[in-house]
Amino acid sequence: MFAYELEGLKRLNIQAIKWGSSYRVKVRGRTGKMVYISNLSHPANQKLVAKQYNVAIETLNKHMSADYKADSKYRFYNGKQMESHLYEGIQPAEFYDKLENVLSSQKSAFMVNIALGYDLVSLADGE
């Protein structure tokens, strides 16, 4: 498995298991048994991963491509107790579409905070 494929799996929250010097992904095979696959460039294996983790093939291919570029308006921070989605410089209609996507993907949430019109001061970005 290539490094860019591993990064794409992380972006999609798909856990890859270290297997020797490489990584593998656990999926349900064509016969119905759980199997580990490491060659994610093969289309049949991509279909198995997409089906197992409920991801569209197009989304899987986009995130696992070697020339993947993240949206410059979007940043994601994953913490131990919360996750943050930061959108900068987008139109209100686009913001509400993104907000709907984020909220619909949540399995459970204790609290949701939305801050509009603020400047982010982040020590991690060096600003």
Foldseek 3Di string as FASTA:
>chain_A
DDPQLVQLCVVVVFDWDDDPPATWGWFQDPVRHIDTDGPCVDPNVLVRVCVRSVHDSVSSCQSSDPPRDDDPQWDWDDDPVDIDIGGPDDDPVVVVVVVVVVVVPDPDDPDDDDDPDDDDDDVVVVD
